[in-house]
C-alpha atoms as a PDB file:
ATOM      1  CA  MET A   1      -5.374   4.105 -14.643  1.00  0.00           C
ATOM      2  CA  LYS A   2      -6.281   1.055 -12.625  1.00  0.00           C
ATOM      3  CA  LEU A   3      -6.054  -0.577  -9.071  1.00  0.00           C
ATOM      4  CA  VAL A   4      -3.353  -3.107  -8.870  1.00  0.00           C
ATOM      5  CA  SER A   5      -3.741  -4.304  -5.476  1.00  0.00           C
ATOM      6  CA  VAL A   6      -6.078  -3.994  -2.363  1.00  0.00           C
ATOM      7  CA  ASN A   7      -4.256  -4.305   0.964  1.00  0.00           C
ATOM      8  CA  VAL A   8      -5.520  -4.734   4.229  1.00  0.00           C
ATOM      9  CA  GLY A   9      -4.410  -5.466   7.716  1.00  0.00           C
ATOM     10  CA  LEU A  10      -5.233  -5.561  11.388  1.00  0.00           C
ATOM     11  CA  PRO A  11      -2.910  -3.772  14.109  1.00  0.00           C
ATOM     12  CA  ARG A  12      -0.336  -6.184  15.604  1.00  0.00           C
ATOM     13  CA  GLU A  13       2.329  -5.911  18.114  1.00  0.00           C
ATOM     14  CA  VAL A  14       6.251  -5.819  17.150  1.00  0.00           C
ATOM     15  CA  ILE A  15       9.286  -5.239  19.058  1.00  0.00           C
ATOM     16  CA  TRP A  16      11.402  -2.200  18.198  1.00  0.00           C
ATOM     17  CA  LYS A  17      14.175  -1.127  19.954  1.00  0.00           C
ATOM     18  CA  GLY A  18      13.426  -3.213  22.995  1.00  0.00           C
ATOM     19  CA  ARG A  19       9.890  -2.056  23.365  1.00  0.00           C
ATOM     20  CA  THR A  20       6.458  -3.297  21.953  1.00  0.00           C
ATOM     21  CA  VAL A  21       4.891  -1.159  19.551  1.00  0.00           C
ATOM     22  CA  ARG A  22       1.310  -1.567  18.220  1.00  0.00           C
ATOM     23  CA  THR A  23       0.844  -0.741  14.586  1.00  0.00           C
ATOM     24  CA  GLY A  24      -1.506  -1.105  11.567  1.00  0.00           C
ATOM     25  CA  ILE A  25       1.123  -0.522   9.125  1.00  0.00           C
ATOM     26  CA  PHE A  26       1.342  -4.198   8.148  1.00  0.00           C
ATOM     27  CA  LYS A  27      -0.955  -4.433   5.066  1.00  0.00           C
ATOM     28  CA  GLU A  28      -1.193  -7.632   2.773  1.00  0.00           C
ATOM     29  CA  PRO A  29      -2.885  -8.045  -0.692  1.00  0.00           C
ATOM     30  CA  VAL A  30      -6.406  -9.596  -0.617  1.00  0.00           C
ATOM     31  CA  SER A  31      -8.259 -11.400  -3.471  1.00  0.00           C
ATOM     32  CA  GLY A  32     -11.643 -10.791  -4.613  1.00  0.00           C
ATOM     33  CA  ARG A  33     -13.855  -7.614  -3.877  1.00  0.00           C
ATOM     34  CA  VAL A  34     -13.522  -5.626  -0.554  1.00  0.00           C
ATOM     35  CA  MET A  35     -16.124  -3.157   0.553  1.00  0.00           C
ATOM     36  CA  LEU A  36     -14.809   0.160   1.162  1.00  0.00           C
ATOM     37  CA  ARG A  37     -16.686   2.035   3.908  1.00  0.00           C
ATOM     38  CA  ARG A  38     -16.746   5.411   5.465  1.00  0.00           C
ATOM     39  CA  LEU A  39     -13.914   4.595   7.916  1.00  0.00           C
ATOM     40  CA  ASN A  40     -12.163   1.628   6.586  1.00  0.00           C
ATOM     41  CA  LEU A  41     -11.848  -1.177   4.015  1.00  0.00           C
ATOM     42  CA  ASP A  42     -13.388  -4.331   5.538  1.00  0.00           C
ATOM     43  CA  GLY A  43     -10.557  -6.133   7.179  1.00  0.00           C
ATOM     44  CA  ASP A  44      -8.459  -3.154   7.699  1.00  0.00           C
ATOM     45  CA  ARG A  45      -7.959  -1.111  10.956  1.00  0.00           C
ATOM     46  CA  GLN A  46      -5.535   1.399  12.403  1.00  0.00           C
ATOM     47  CA  ALA A  47      -3.711   1.068  15.675  1.00  0.00           C
ATOM     48  CA  ASP A  48      -3.786   4.617  16.981  1.00  0.00           C
ATOM     49  CA  LEU A  49      -6.832   6.639  16.026  1.00  0.00           C
ATOM     50  CA  THR A  50      -5.359   9.751  17.315  1.00  0.00           C
ATOM     51  CA  VAL A  51      -3.092  10.092  14.288  1.00  0.00           C
ATOM     52  CA  HIS A  52      -4.201   7.494  11.822  1.00  0.00           C
ATOM     53  CA  GLY A  53      -7.676   6.706  10.267  1.00  0.00           C
ATOM     54  CA  GLY A  54     -10.841   8.397  10.891  1.00  0.00           C
ATOM     55  CA  PRO A  55     -13.286   9.980   7.970  1.00  0.00           C
ATOM     56  CA  ASP A  56     -10.325  12.217   6.492  1.00  0.00           C
ATOM     57  CA  LYS A  57      -7.854   9.194   6.259  1.00  0.00           C
ATOM     58  CA  ALA A  58     -10.026   6.272   5.442  1.00  0.00           C
ATOM     59  CA  VAL A  59      -7.689   4.980   2.675  1.00  0.00           C
ATOM     60  CA  TYR A  60      -4.169   5.384   1.514  1.00  0.00           C
ATOM     61  CA  LEU A  61      -2.857   5.247  -1.984  1.00  0.00           C
ATOM     62  CA  TYR A  62       0.709   4.481  -3.381  1.00  0.00           C
ATOM     63  CA  PRO A  63       1.762   4.318  -6.963  1.00  0.00           C
ATOM     64  CA  VAL A  64       2.998   1.014  -8.283  1.00  0.00           C
ATOM     65  CA  GLU A  65       5.575   2.899 -10.120  1.00  0.00           C
ATOM     66  CA  HIS A  66       7.504   3.759  -7.124  1.00  0.00           C
ATOM     67  CA  TYR A  67       8.163   0.192  -6.151  1.00  0.00           C
ATOM     68  CA  GLU A  68      10.882   0.042  -8.959  1.00  0.00           C
ATOM     69  CA  TYR A  69      12.715   2.944  -7.308  1.00  0.00           C
ATOM     70  CA  TRP A  70      12.503   1.484  -3.896  1.00  0.00           C
ATOM     71  CA  ARG A  71      13.717  -2.052  -5.261  1.00  0.00           C
ATOM     72  CA  GLY A  72      16.947  -0.137  -6.428  1.00  0.00           C
ATOM     73  CA  GLU A  73      17.326   1.497  -3.071  1.00  0.00           C
ATOM     74  CA  LEU A  74      16.607  -1.706  -1.127  1.00  0.00           C
ATOM     75  CA  PRO A  75      17.915  -4.402  -3.254  1.00  0.00           C
ATOM     76  CA  ALA A  76      18.112  -7.058  -0.439  1.00  0.00           C
ATOM     77  CA  MET A  77      14.471  -6.539   0.734  1.00  0.00           C
ATOM     78  CA  ASP A  78      11.341  -8.328  -0.647  1.00  0.00           C
ATOM     79  CA  LEU A  79       8.834  -5.438  -1.434  1.00  0.00           C
ATOM     80  CA  PRO A  80       5.323  -6.997  -1.795  1.00  0.00           C
ATOM     81  CA  PHE A  81       2.255  -4.738  -2.563  1.00  0.00           C
ATOM     82  CA  GLY A  82       1.252  -3.078   0.670  1.00  0.00           C
ATOM     83  CA  MET A  83       4.760  -2.588   1.821  1.00  0.00           C
ATOM     84  CA  PHE A  84       4.507   0.991   2.317  1.00  0.00           C
ATOM     85  CA  GLY A  85       1.255   0.677   4.377  1.00  0.00           C
ATOM     86  CA  GLU A  86      -1.009   1.571   1.443  1.00  0.00           C
ATOM     87  CA  ASN A  87      -4.550   0.118   0.978  1.00  0.00           C
ATOM     88  CA  PHE A  88      -4.545   0.697  -2.638  1.00  0.00           C
ATOM     89  CA  THR A  89      -1.516   0.126  -5.072  1.00  0.00           C
ATOM     90  CA  THR A  90      -2.362   2.141  -8.221  1.00  0.00           C
ATOM     91  CA  ASP A  91      -0.969   2.287 -11.581  1.00  0.00           C
ATOM     92  CA  GLY A  92      -0.979   5.376 -13.764  1.00  0.00           C
ATOM     93  CA  LEU A  93      -1.773   7.985 -11.104  1.00  0.00           C
ATOM     94  CA  TRP A  94       1.032   9.995  -9.643  1.00  0.00           C
ATOM     95  CA  GLU A  95       1.394  12.534  -6.715  1.00  0.00           C
ATOM     96  CA  THR A  96       1.764  15.461  -9.061  1.00  0.00           C
ATOM     97  CA  GLY A  97      -1.329  14.473 -10.887  1.00  0.00           C
ATOM     98  CA  VAL A  98      -3.715  14.901  -7.763  1.00  0.00           C
ATOM     99  CA  SER A  99      -4.681  18.060  -6.101  1.00  0.00           C
ATOM    100  CA  ILE A 100      -6.210  18.315  -2.521  1.00  0.00           C
ATOM    101  CA  GLY A 101     -10.206  18.227  -3.229  1.00  0.00           C
ATOM    102  CA  ASP A 102      -9.832  16.151  -6.275  1.00  0.00           C
ATOM    103  CA  ARG A 103     -12.591  13.393  -6.707  1.00  0.00           C
ATOM    104  CA  ILE A 104     -11.578   9.972  -7.722  1.00  0.00           C
ATOM    105  CA  ARG A 105     -13.688   6.829  -8.480  1.00  0.00           C
ATOM    106  CA  VAL A 106     -12.227   3.515  -7.853  1.00  0.00           C
ATOM    107  CA  GLY A 107     -14.373   0.557  -8.702  1.00  0.00           C
ATOM    108  CA  GLY A 108     -17.786   1.201  -7.262  1.00  0.00           C
ATOM    109  CA  ALA A 109     -16.574   3.725  -4.584  1.00  0.00           C
ATOM    110  CA  GLU A 110     -15.542   7.418  -4.781  1.00  0.00           C
ATOM    111  CA  ILE A 111     -12.994   9.161  -2.753  1.00  0.00           C
ATOM    112  CA  VAL A 112     -11.876  12.743  -2.381  1.00  0.00           C
ATOM    113  CA  ALA A 113      -8.092  13.653  -1.709  1.00  0.00           C
ATOM    114  CA  THR A 114      -7.775  15.346   1.712  1.00  0.00           C
ATOM    115  CA  GLN A 115      -4.048  15.364   2.694  1.00  0.00           C
ATOM    116  CA  PRO A 116      -0.629  13.905   1.968  1.00  0.00           C
ATOM    117  CA  ARG A 117       1.037  11.268   4.135  1.00  0.00           C
ATOM    118  CA  LEU A 118       3.651  12.520   6.359  1.00  0.00           C
ATOM    119  CA  PRO A 119       5.552   9.318   7.533  1.00  0.00           C
ATOM    120  CA  CYS A 120       5.897   8.528  11.205  1.00  0.00           C
ATOM    121  CA  TYR A 121       8.477   6.279  13.073  1.00  0.00           C
ATOM    122  CA  LYS A 122       6.323   3.306  12.387  1.00  0.00           C
ATOM    123  CA  LEU A 123       7.542   3.205   8.768  1.00  0.00           C
ATOM    124  CA  GLY A 124      11.023   2.885  10.295  1.00  0.00           C
ATOM    125  CA  VAL A 125       9.431  -0.012  12.348  1.00  0.00           C
ATOM    126  CA  LYS A 126       8.195  -1.683   9.227  1.00  0.00           C
ATOM    127  CA  PHE A 127      11.608  -1.412   7.481  1.00  0.00           C
ATOM    128  CA  GLN A 128      13.439  -2.067  10.651  1.00  0.00           C
ATOM    129  CA  SER A 129      15.425   0.977   9.716  1.00  0.00           C
ATOM    130  CA  ASP A 130      16.106   4.293  11.458  1.00  0.00           C
ATOM    131  CA  ASP A 131      16.553   6.393   8.347  1.00  0.00           C
ATOM    132  CA  MET A 132      13.604   5.112   6.496  1.00  0.00           C
ATOM    133  CA  VAL A 133      11.280   7.855   7.419  1.00  0.00           C
ATOM    134  CA  LYS A 134      13.864  10.553   6.295  1.00  0.00           C
ATOM    135  CA  ARG A 135      14.594   8.575   3.030  1.00  0.00           C
ATOM    136  CA  PHE A 136      10.830   8.124   2.220  1.00  0.00           C
ATOM    137  CA  LEU A 137      10.172  11.806   2.675  1.00  0.00           C
ATOM    138  CA  GLU A 138      13.276  13.115   0.754  1.00  0.00           C
ATOM    139  CA  SER A 139      12.606  10.781  -2.090  1.00  0.00           C
ATOM    140  CA  GLY A 140       9.006  12.667  -2.858  1.00  0.00           C
ATOM    141  CA  ARG A 141       7.628   9.166  -3.245  1.00  0.00           C
ATOM    142  CA  THR A 142       5.242   9.384  -0.234  1.00  0.00           C
ATOM    143  CA  GLY A 143       2.075   8.340  -1.949  1.00  0.00           C
ATOM    144  CA  PHE A 144      -0.430  10.712  -3.359  1.00  0.00           C
ATOM    145  CA  PHE A 145      -2.956  11.082  -0.554  1.00  0.00           C
ATOM    146  CA  TYR A 146      -5.171  10.056   2.229  1.00  0.00           C
ATOM    147  CA  GLY A 147      -8.641  10.091   1.058  1.00  0.00           C
ATOM    148  CA  ALA A 148     -12.182  10.263   2.650  1.00  0.00           C
ATOM    149  CA  VAL A 149     -15.054   8.115   1.113  1.00  0.00           C
ATOM    150  CA  LEU A 150     -17.880  10.001  -0.553  1.00  0.00           C
ATOM    151  CA  ARG A 151     -19.421   6.980  -1.858  1.00  0.00           C
ATOM    152  CA  GLU A 152     -19.078   3.556  -0.328  1.00  0.00           C
ATOM    153  CA  GLY A 153     -18.707   0.574  -2.708  1.00  0.00           C
ATOM    154  CA  GLU A 154     -16.793  -2.593  -3.526  1.00  0.00           C
ATOM    155  CA  VAL A 155     -13.363  -2.518  -4.850  1.00  0.00           C
ATOM    156  CA  GLY A 156     -10.990  -5.109  -6.317  1.00  0.00           C
ATOM    157  CA  ALA A 157      -7.518  -5.442  -8.036  1.00  0.00           C
ATOM    158  CA  GLY A 158      -8.072  -4.754 -11.740  1.00  0.00           C
ATOM    159  CA  ASP A 159     -10.776  -2.070 -11.201  1.00  0.00           C
ATOM    160  CA  SER A 160     -10.312   1.253 -13.296  1.00  0.00           C
ATOM    161  CA  ILE A 161      -9.580   4.495 -11.528  1.00  0.00           C
ATOM    162  CA  GLU A 162     -11.014   7.796 -12.881  1.00  0.00           C
ATOM    163  CA  VAL A 163     -10.643  11.416 -11.868  1.00  0.00           C
ATOM    164  CA  THR A 164     -14.245  12.531 -11.644  1.00  0.00           C
ATOM    165  CA  ALA A 165     -13.677  16.117 -10.720  1.00  0.00           C
ATOM    166  CA  ARG A 166     -10.773  18.576 -10.151  1.00  0.00           C
ATOM    167  CA  ASP A 167     -10.719  21.162  -7.367  1.00  0.00           C
ATOM    168  CA  GLU A 168     -10.681  24.527  -8.967  1.00  0.00           C
ATOM    169  CA  ARG A 169      -7.777  25.856  -6.699  1.00  0.00           C
ATOM    170  CA  GLN A 170      -5.360  23.148  -8.043  1.00  0.00           C
ATOM    171  CA  VAL A 171      -3.005  22.831  -5.249  1.00  0.00           C
ATOM    172  CA  PRO A 172      -1.182  19.474  -5.914  1.00  0.00           C
ATOM    173  CA  VAL A 173      -0.564  16.974  -2.982  1.00  0.00           C
ATOM    174  CA  PRO A 174       3.115  17.284  -3.290  1.00  0.00           C
ATOM    175  CA  GLU A 175       2.893  21.165  -2.815  1.00  0.00           C
ATOM    176  CA  ILE A 176       1.048  20.527   0.573  1.00  0.00           C
ATOM    177  CA  THR A 177       3.943  18.340   1.705  1.00  0.00           C
ATOM    178  CA  ARG A 178       6.587  20.852   0.538  1.00  0.00           C
ATOM    179  CA  LEU A 179       4.743  23.784   2.343  1.00  0.00           C
ATOM    180  CA  TYR A 180       4.429  21.681   5.379  1.00  0.00           C
ATOM    181  CA  ILE A 181       8.127  21.095   5.869  1.00  0.00           C
ATOM    182  CA  THR A 182       9.342  24.461   4.361  1.00  0.00           C
ATOM    183  CA  LYS A 183      10.847  26.526   7.117  1.00  0.00           C
ATOM    184  CA  ARG A 184      10.406  29.881   5.304  1.00  0.00           C
ATOM    185  CA  TYR A 185       7.679  30.975   2.899  1.00  0.00           C
ATOM    186  CA  ASN A 186       8.395  33.340  -0.071  1.00  0.00           C
ATOM    187  CA  ARG A 187       5.519  35.520  -1.572  1.00  0.00           C
ATOM    188  CA  ALA A 188       4.727  32.797  -4.134  1.00  0.00           C
ATOM    189  CA  ASP A 189       4.381  30.245  -1.352  1.00  0.00           C
ATOM    190  CA  LEU A 190       1.968  32.445   0.650  1.00  0.00           C
ATOM    191  CA  GLU A 191      -0.375  32.599  -2.438  1.00  0.00           C
ATOM    192  CA  THR A 192      -0.273  28.783  -2.500  1.00  0.00           C
ATOM    193  CA  VAL A 193      -0.946  28.328   1.066  1.00  0.00           C
ATOM    194  CA  ARG A 194      -3.976  30.892   0.758  1.00  0.00           C
ATOM    195  CA  ARG A 195      -5.419  28.635  -1.875  1.00  0.00           C
ATOM    196  CA  ALA A 196      -4.885  25.633   0.170  1.00  0.00           C
ATOM    197  CA  THR A 197      -6.747  26.852   3.116  1.00  0.00           C
ATOM    198  CA  GLU A 198      -9.699  27.539   0.856  1.00  0.00           C
ATOM    199  CA  VAL A 199     -10.013  23.799  -0.058  1.00  0.00           C
ATOM    200  CA  PRO A 200     -13.099  22.510   1.572  1.00  0.00           C
ATOM    201  CA  ALA A 201     -11.563  18.748   1.640  1.00  0.00           C
ATOM    202  CA  LEU A 202      -8.360  19.869   3.601  1.00  0.00           C
ATOM    203  CA  PRO A 203      -8.809  18.808   7.216  1.00  0.00           C
ATOM    204  CA  GLU A 204      -9.354  21.546   9.922  1.00  0.00           C
ATOM    205  CA  SER A 205      -5.868  20.591  11.548  1.00  0.00           C
ATOM    206  CA  TRP A 206      -4.079  21.341   8.465  1.00  0.00           C
ATOM    207  CA  ARG A 207      -6.159  24.568   7.682  1.00  0.00           C
ATOM    208  CA  SER A 208      -5.241  25.652  11.164  1.00  0.00           C
ATOM    209  CA  TYR A 209      -1.424  24.976  10.751  1.00  0.00           C
ATOM    210  CA  PHE A 210      -1.206  26.757   7.515  1.00  0.00           C
ATOM    211  CA  ARG A 211      -3.250  29.767   8.885  1.00  0.00           C
ATOM    212  CA  THR A 212      -0.806  30.201  11.836  1.00  0.00           C
ATOM    213  CA  ARG A 213       2.070  29.843   9.221  1.00  0.00           C
ATOM    214  CA  LEU A 214       0.496  32.334   6.887  1.00  0.00           C
ATOM    215  CA  GLU A 215       0.018  35.039   9.819  1.00  0.00           C
ATOM    216  CA  ASN A 216       3.708  34.552  10.931  1.00  0.00           C
ATOM    217  CA  ALA A 217       5.171  34.722   7.406  1.00  0.00           C
ATOM    218  CA  GLN A 218       3.020  37.806   6.724  1.00  0.00           C
ATOM    219  CA  LEU A 219       4.373  39.559   9.904  1.00  0.00           C
ATOM    220  CA  ARG A 220       8.071  38.673   8.727  1.00  0.00           C
ATOM    221  CA  LEU A 221       7.579  39.985   5.304  1.00  0.00           C
ATOM    222  CA  SER A 222       5.563  43.196   6.042  1.00  0.00           C
END
């Protein structure tokens, strides 16, 4: 597994449906080595820190393998690396191969998977398409996580990627996404949600959401 591209960008203002939107979703590949720090890669920032960025979402990864799918879906559009707002374009590591709490070494840094990406309307702004958020989510190709930085270090295209530790609860990132958007849980779902709430790396906002869902589902099934 390896790092194909490192992508960064600063917030900019764009026009969307007649109004000005400030967004940091525009990322471009950089050459050479870049320092990954606790909150950001050098040269990278987020526009709205209430929903983006922070220690639990310092870096976003997206598999290069998904680009082929999107080239088929969007044949008229140029899709350079960083197009989906990812910081790391990766090769050989898919959503299904990563669980919340897994630790991953990238170059000189180490990160831990904290949560999946739930796309917001700014993905539609980037693609100038109202339905892109829905298509992105329905495709299952949403990238395999946001990561918190355990060890700062330099990274660059061509660096190796290695899973250094697996969380024992083994709740894959796509399961977290599915359980977030599923309207009704069955009993098997309840067990998975319980395991997810026990993963230390899962942010408190997600833990609180799932605990509330658990309580409501248990009342319905009791």
